[in-house]
Amino acid sequence: MGQEAWLWGLVLFASAGNSGATELTHITLKTLIETAQAQDPWLAGSRYRQVREEAFRDGAVGLAAPTVTLGLNNVPTNSFNLNQEPMTQFQLGVQQMLPRGRTVALTRQKFDQKGLIQTHARVARKADIVRQVS
């Protein structure tokens, strides 16, 4: 009901705005539909949601950041001399998590599908706006 009132208000504003002018502006149904679609906040939000899903898709392709560990084991605590005992050890480690199987491809496909849903939802919303205005 609120959107229909908004559309009727737009029609009344457009027709009453030029009531004192010598030249009347003719508002066509096509103009009303285009104006309603251009000013619909849901359509703009849907575009942003699609861009978000595309960004998630691009982020899903990369691998997680590797982890580097550096350690020093069995250091003598009385002198901290690394050559005092032959048991002192240096430890270096690198760890990289690799996704299993087709996880990256499936995640990318999931975000592609979510973006496609937004495209179809916008088409349906535009058709709904045409129905409401007509």
C-alpha atoms as a PDB file:
ATOM      1  CA  MET A   1       0.000   0.000   0.000  1.00  0.00           C
ATOM      2  CA  GLY A   2       2.842   2.398   0.809  1.00  0.00           C
ATOM      3  CA  GLN A   3       4.471   2.010  -2.580  1.00  0.00           C
ATOM      4  CA  GLU A   4       1.190   2.515  -4.423  1.00  0.00           C
ATOM      5  CA  ALA A   5       0.597   5.713  -2.456  1.00  0.00           C
ATOM      6  CA  TRP A   6       4.100   6.845  -3.384  1.00  0.00           C
ATOM      7  CA  LEU A   7       3.417   6.201  -7.064  1.00  0.00           C
ATOM      8  CA  TRP A   8       0.102   8.082  -6.960  1.00  0.00           C
ATOM      9  CA  GLY A   9       1.857  10.923  -5.191  1.00  0.00           C
ATOM     10  CA  LEU A  10       4.415  10.983  -7.993  1.00  0.00           C
ATOM     11  CA  VAL A  11       1.615  11.171 -10.573  1.00  0.00           C
ATOM     12  CA  LEU A  12      -0.171  13.972  -8.700  1.00  0.00           C
ATOM     13  CA  PHE A  13       3.056  15.895  -8.170  1.00  0.00           C
ATOM     14  CA  ALA A  14       3.991  15.640 -11.824  1.00  0.00           C
ATOM     15  CA  SER A  15       0.554  16.700 -13.016  1.00  0.00           C
ATOM     16  CA  ALA A  16       0.041  19.465 -10.443  1.00  0.00           C
ATOM     17  CA  GLY A  17       3.530  20.896 -10.775  1.00  0.00           C
ATOM     18  CA  ASN A  18       2.792  22.371 -14.196  1.00  0.00           C
ATOM     19  CA  SER A  19      -0.855  23.297 -13.649  1.00  0.00           C
ATOM     20  CA  GLY A  20      -0.152  27.033 -13.944  1.00  0.00           C
ATOM     21  CA  ALA A  21       2.282  26.716 -16.835  1.00  0.00           C
ATOM     22  CA  THR A  22       1.270  27.390 -20.398  1.00  0.00           C
ATOM     23  CA  GLU A  23       2.786  24.143 -21.629  1.00  0.00           C
ATOM     24  CA  LEU A  24       1.684  20.925 -19.969  1.00  0.00           C
ATOM     25  CA  THR A  25       4.073  18.037 -19.687  1.00  0.00           C
ATOM     26  CA  HIS A  26       2.547  14.772 -20.763  1.00  0.00           C
ATOM     27  CA  ILE A  27       3.547  11.915 -18.543  1.00  0.00           C
ATOM     28  CA  THR A  28       3.425   8.576 -20.217  1.00  0.00           C
ATOM     29  CA  LEU A  29       3.101   5.212 -18.576  1.00  0.00           C
ATOM     30  CA  LYS A  30       6.571   4.347 -19.803  1.00  0.00           C
ATOM     31  CA  THR A  31       8.006   7.412 -18.050  1.00  0.00           C
ATOM     32  CA  LEU A  32       6.266   6.506 -14.802  1.00  0.00           C
ATOM     33  CA  ILE A  33       7.559   2.949 -14.964  1.00  0.00           C
ATOM     34  CA  GLU A  34      11.124   4.069 -15.689  1.00  0.00           C
ATOM     35  CA  THR A  35      11.004   6.610 -12.858  1.00  0.00           C
ATOM     36  CA  ALA A  36       9.640   4.070 -10.390  1.00  0.00           C
ATOM     37  CA  GLN A  37      12.292   1.525 -11.373  1.00  0.00           C
ATOM     38  CA  ALA A  38      15.093   4.095 -11.200  1.00  0.00           C
ATOM     39  CA  GLN A  39      14.068   5.207  -7.706  1.00  0.00           C
ATOM     40  CA  ASP A  40      13.427   1.766  -6.228  1.00  0.00           C
ATOM     41  CA  PRO A  41      15.899   1.244  -3.365  1.00  0.00           C
ATOM     42  CA  TRP A  42      15.476  -2.529  -3.481  1.00  0.00           C
ATOM     43  CA  LEU A  43      16.908  -2.664  -7.015  1.00  0.00           C
ATOM     44  CA  ALA A  44      19.965  -0.668  -5.963  1.00  0.00           C
ATOM     45  CA  GLY A  45      20.440  -2.925  -2.944  1.00  0.00           C
ATOM     46  CA  SER A  46      20.184  -5.982  -5.157  1.00  0.00           C
ATOM     47  CA  ARG A  47      22.979  -4.673  -7.365  1.00  0.00           C
ATOM     48  CA  TYR A  48      25.148  -4.183  -4.283  1.00  0.00           C
ATOM     49  CA  ARG A  49      24.344  -7.695  -3.079  1.00  0.00           C
ATOM     50  CA  GLN A  50      25.398  -9.092  -6.451  1.00  0.00           C
ATOM     51  CA  VAL A  51      28.687  -7.168  -6.324  1.00  0.00           C
ATOM     52  CA  ARG A  52      29.248  -8.553  -2.815  1.00  0.00           C
ATOM     53  CA  GLU A  53      28.721 -12.123  -4.001  1.00  0.00           C
ATOM     54  CA  GLU A  54      31.135 -11.556  -6.893  1.00  0.00           C
ATOM     55  CA  ALA A  55      33.740 -10.245  -4.446  1.00  0.00           C
ATOM     56  CA  PHE A  56      33.255 -13.317  -2.248  1.00  0.00           C
ATOM     57  CA  ARG A  57      33.655 -15.492  -5.345  1.00  0.00           C
ATOM     58  CA  ASP A  58      36.956 -13.830  -6.202  1.00  0.00           C
ATOM     59  CA  GLY A  59      38.140 -14.191  -2.611  1.00  0.00           C
ATOM     60  CA  ALA A  60      37.275 -17.880  -2.521  1.00  0.00           C
ATOM     61  CA  VAL A  61      39.838 -18.651  -5.229  1.00  0.00           C
ATOM     62  CA  GLY A  62      42.871 -17.780  -3.126  1.00  0.00           C
ATOM     63  CA  LEU A  63      44.534 -19.987  -0.592  1.00  0.00           C
ATOM     64  CA  ALA A  64      44.734 -19.205   3.091  1.00  0.00           C
ATOM     65  CA  ALA A  65      47.834 -17.357   4.257  1.00  0.00           C
ATOM     66  CA  PRO A  66      50.708 -19.679   5.161  1.00  0.00           C
ATOM     67  CA  THR A  67      51.846 -19.917   8.768  1.00  0.00           C
ATOM     68  CA  VAL A  68      55.553 -19.640   9.557  1.00  0.00           C
ATOM     69  CA  THR A  69      56.874 -20.735  12.946  1.00  0.00           C
ATOM     70  CA  LEU A  70      60.318 -20.126  14.336  1.00  0.00           C
ATOM     71  CA  GLY A  71      61.465 -21.734  17.541  1.00  0.00           C
ATOM     72  CA  LEU A  72      64.449 -22.218  19.769  1.00  0.00           C
ATOM     73  CA  ASN A  73      64.377 -25.338  21.981  1.00  0.00           C
ATOM     74  CA  ASN A  74      66.475 -26.610  24.898  1.00  0.00           C
ATOM     75  CA  VAL A  75      68.307 -23.357  25.537  1.00  0.00           C
ATOM     76  CA  PRO A  76      70.362 -23.408  28.752  1.00  0.00           C
ATOM     77  CA  THR A  77      68.660 -20.996  31.130  1.00  0.00           C
ATOM     78  CA  ASN A  78      71.656 -20.338  33.366  1.00  0.00           C
ATOM     79  CA  SER A  79      73.860 -18.744  30.686  1.00  0.00           C
ATOM     80  CA  PHE A  80      71.740 -18.602  27.492  1.00  0.00           C
ATOM     81  CA  ASN A  81      74.866 -19.747  25.648  1.00  0.00           C
ATOM     82  CA  LEU A  82      73.647 -21.637  22.582  1.00  0.00           C
ATOM     83  CA  ASN A  83      76.909 -23.615  22.311  1.00  0.00           C
ATOM     84  CA  GLN A  84      76.984 -24.752  25.964  1.00  0.00           C
ATOM     85  CA  GLU A  85      74.873 -27.895  25.446  1.00  0.00           C
ATOM     86  CA  PRO A  86      74.713 -29.971  22.252  1.00  0.00           C
ATOM     87  CA  MET A  87      70.928 -30.347  22.673  1.00  0.00           C
ATOM     88  CA  THR A  88      70.029 -26.750  21.688  1.00  0.00           C
ATOM     89  CA  GLN A  89      67.809 -26.800  18.606  1.00  0.00           C
ATOM     90  CA  PHE A  90      66.530 -24.283  16.087  1.00  0.00           C
ATOM     91  CA  GLN A  91      63.136 -25.046  14.670  1.00  0.00           C
ATOM     92  CA  LEU A  92      61.611 -23.589  11.505  1.00  0.00           C
ATOM     93  CA  GLY A  93      58.181 -24.558  10.211  1.00  0.00           C
ATOM     94  CA  VAL A  94      55.971 -23.538   7.305  1.00  0.00           C
ATOM     95  CA  GLN A  95      52.350 -24.637   7.126  1.00  0.00           C
ATOM     96  CA  GLN A  96      49.952 -24.133   4.214  1.00  0.00           C
ATOM     97  CA  MET A  97      46.347 -25.302   4.312  1.00  0.00           C
ATOM     98  CA  LEU A  98      45.268 -26.694   0.958  1.00  0.00           C
ATOM     99  CA  PRO A  99      41.573 -27.152   0.261  1.00  0.00           C
ATOM    100  CA  ARG A 100      40.407 -30.661  -0.291  1.00  0.00           C
ATOM    101  CA  GLY A 101      39.151 -31.897  -3.648  1.00  0.00           C
ATOM    102  CA  ARG A 102      37.000 -29.464  -5.616  1.00  0.00           C
ATOM    103  CA  THR A 103      36.231 -27.199  -2.661  1.00  0.00           C
ATOM    104  CA  VAL A 104      37.511 -24.033  -4.348  1.00  0.00           C
ATOM    105  CA  ALA A 105      35.593 -24.693  -7.569  1.00  0.00           C
ATOM    106  CA  LEU A 106      32.397 -25.524  -5.693  1.00  0.00           C
ATOM    107  CA  THR A 107      32.679 -22.439  -3.487  1.00  0.00           C
ATOM    108  CA  ARG A 108      33.198 -20.271  -6.548  1.00  0.00           C
ATOM    109  CA  GLN A 109      30.181 -21.872  -8.219  1.00  0.00           C
ATOM    110  CA  LYS A 110      28.087 -21.246  -5.098  1.00  0.00           C
ATOM    111  CA  PHE A 111      28.831 -17.516  -5.157  1.00  0.00           C
ATOM    112  CA  ASP A 112      28.191 -17.389  -8.917  1.00  0.00           C
ATOM    113  CA  GLN A 113      24.755 -18.885  -8.311  1.00  0.00           C
ATOM    114  CA  LYS A 114      24.014 -16.409  -5.519  1.00  0.00           C
ATOM    115  CA  GLY A 115      24.910 -13.541  -7.857  1.00  0.00           C
ATOM    116  CA  LEU A 116      22.687 -15.002 -10.565  1.00  0.00           C
ATOM    117  CA  ILE A 117      19.810 -15.173  -8.088  1.00  0.00           C
ATOM    118  CA  GLN A 118      20.098 -11.406  -7.613  1.00  0.00           C
ATOM    119  CA  THR A 119      19.943 -10.855 -11.379  1.00  0.00           C
ATOM    120  CA  HIS A 120      16.737 -12.877 -11.666  1.00  0.00           C
ATOM    121  CA  ALA A 121      15.275 -11.234  -8.567  1.00  0.00           C
ATOM    122  CA  ARG A 122      15.840  -7.795 -10.130  1.00  0.00           C
ATOM    123  CA  VAL A 123      14.035  -8.864 -13.299  1.00  0.00           C
ATOM    124  CA  ALA A 124      11.110 -10.091 -11.196  1.00  0.00           C
ATOM    125  CA  ARG A 125      11.106  -6.880  -9.158  1.00  0.00           C
ATOM    126  CA  LYS A 126      11.037  -4.736 -12.308  1.00  0.00           C
ATOM    127  CA  ALA A 127       8.086  -6.760 -13.587  1.00  0.00           C
ATOM    128  CA  ASP A 128       6.358  -6.276 -10.234  1.00  0.00           C
ATOM    129  CA  ILE A 129       6.908  -2.519 -10.449  1.00  0.00           C
ATOM    130  CA  VAL A 130       5.416  -2.505 -13.957  1.00  0.00           C
ATOM    131  CA  ARG A 131       2.400  -4.392 -12.616  1.00  0.00           C
ATOM    132  CA  GLN A 132       1.956  -1.979  -9.706  1.00  0.00           C
ATOM    133  CA  VAL A 133       2.286   1.155 -11.834  1.00  0.00           C
ATOM    134  CA  SER A 134       0.049  -0.072 -14.668  1.00  0.00           C
END
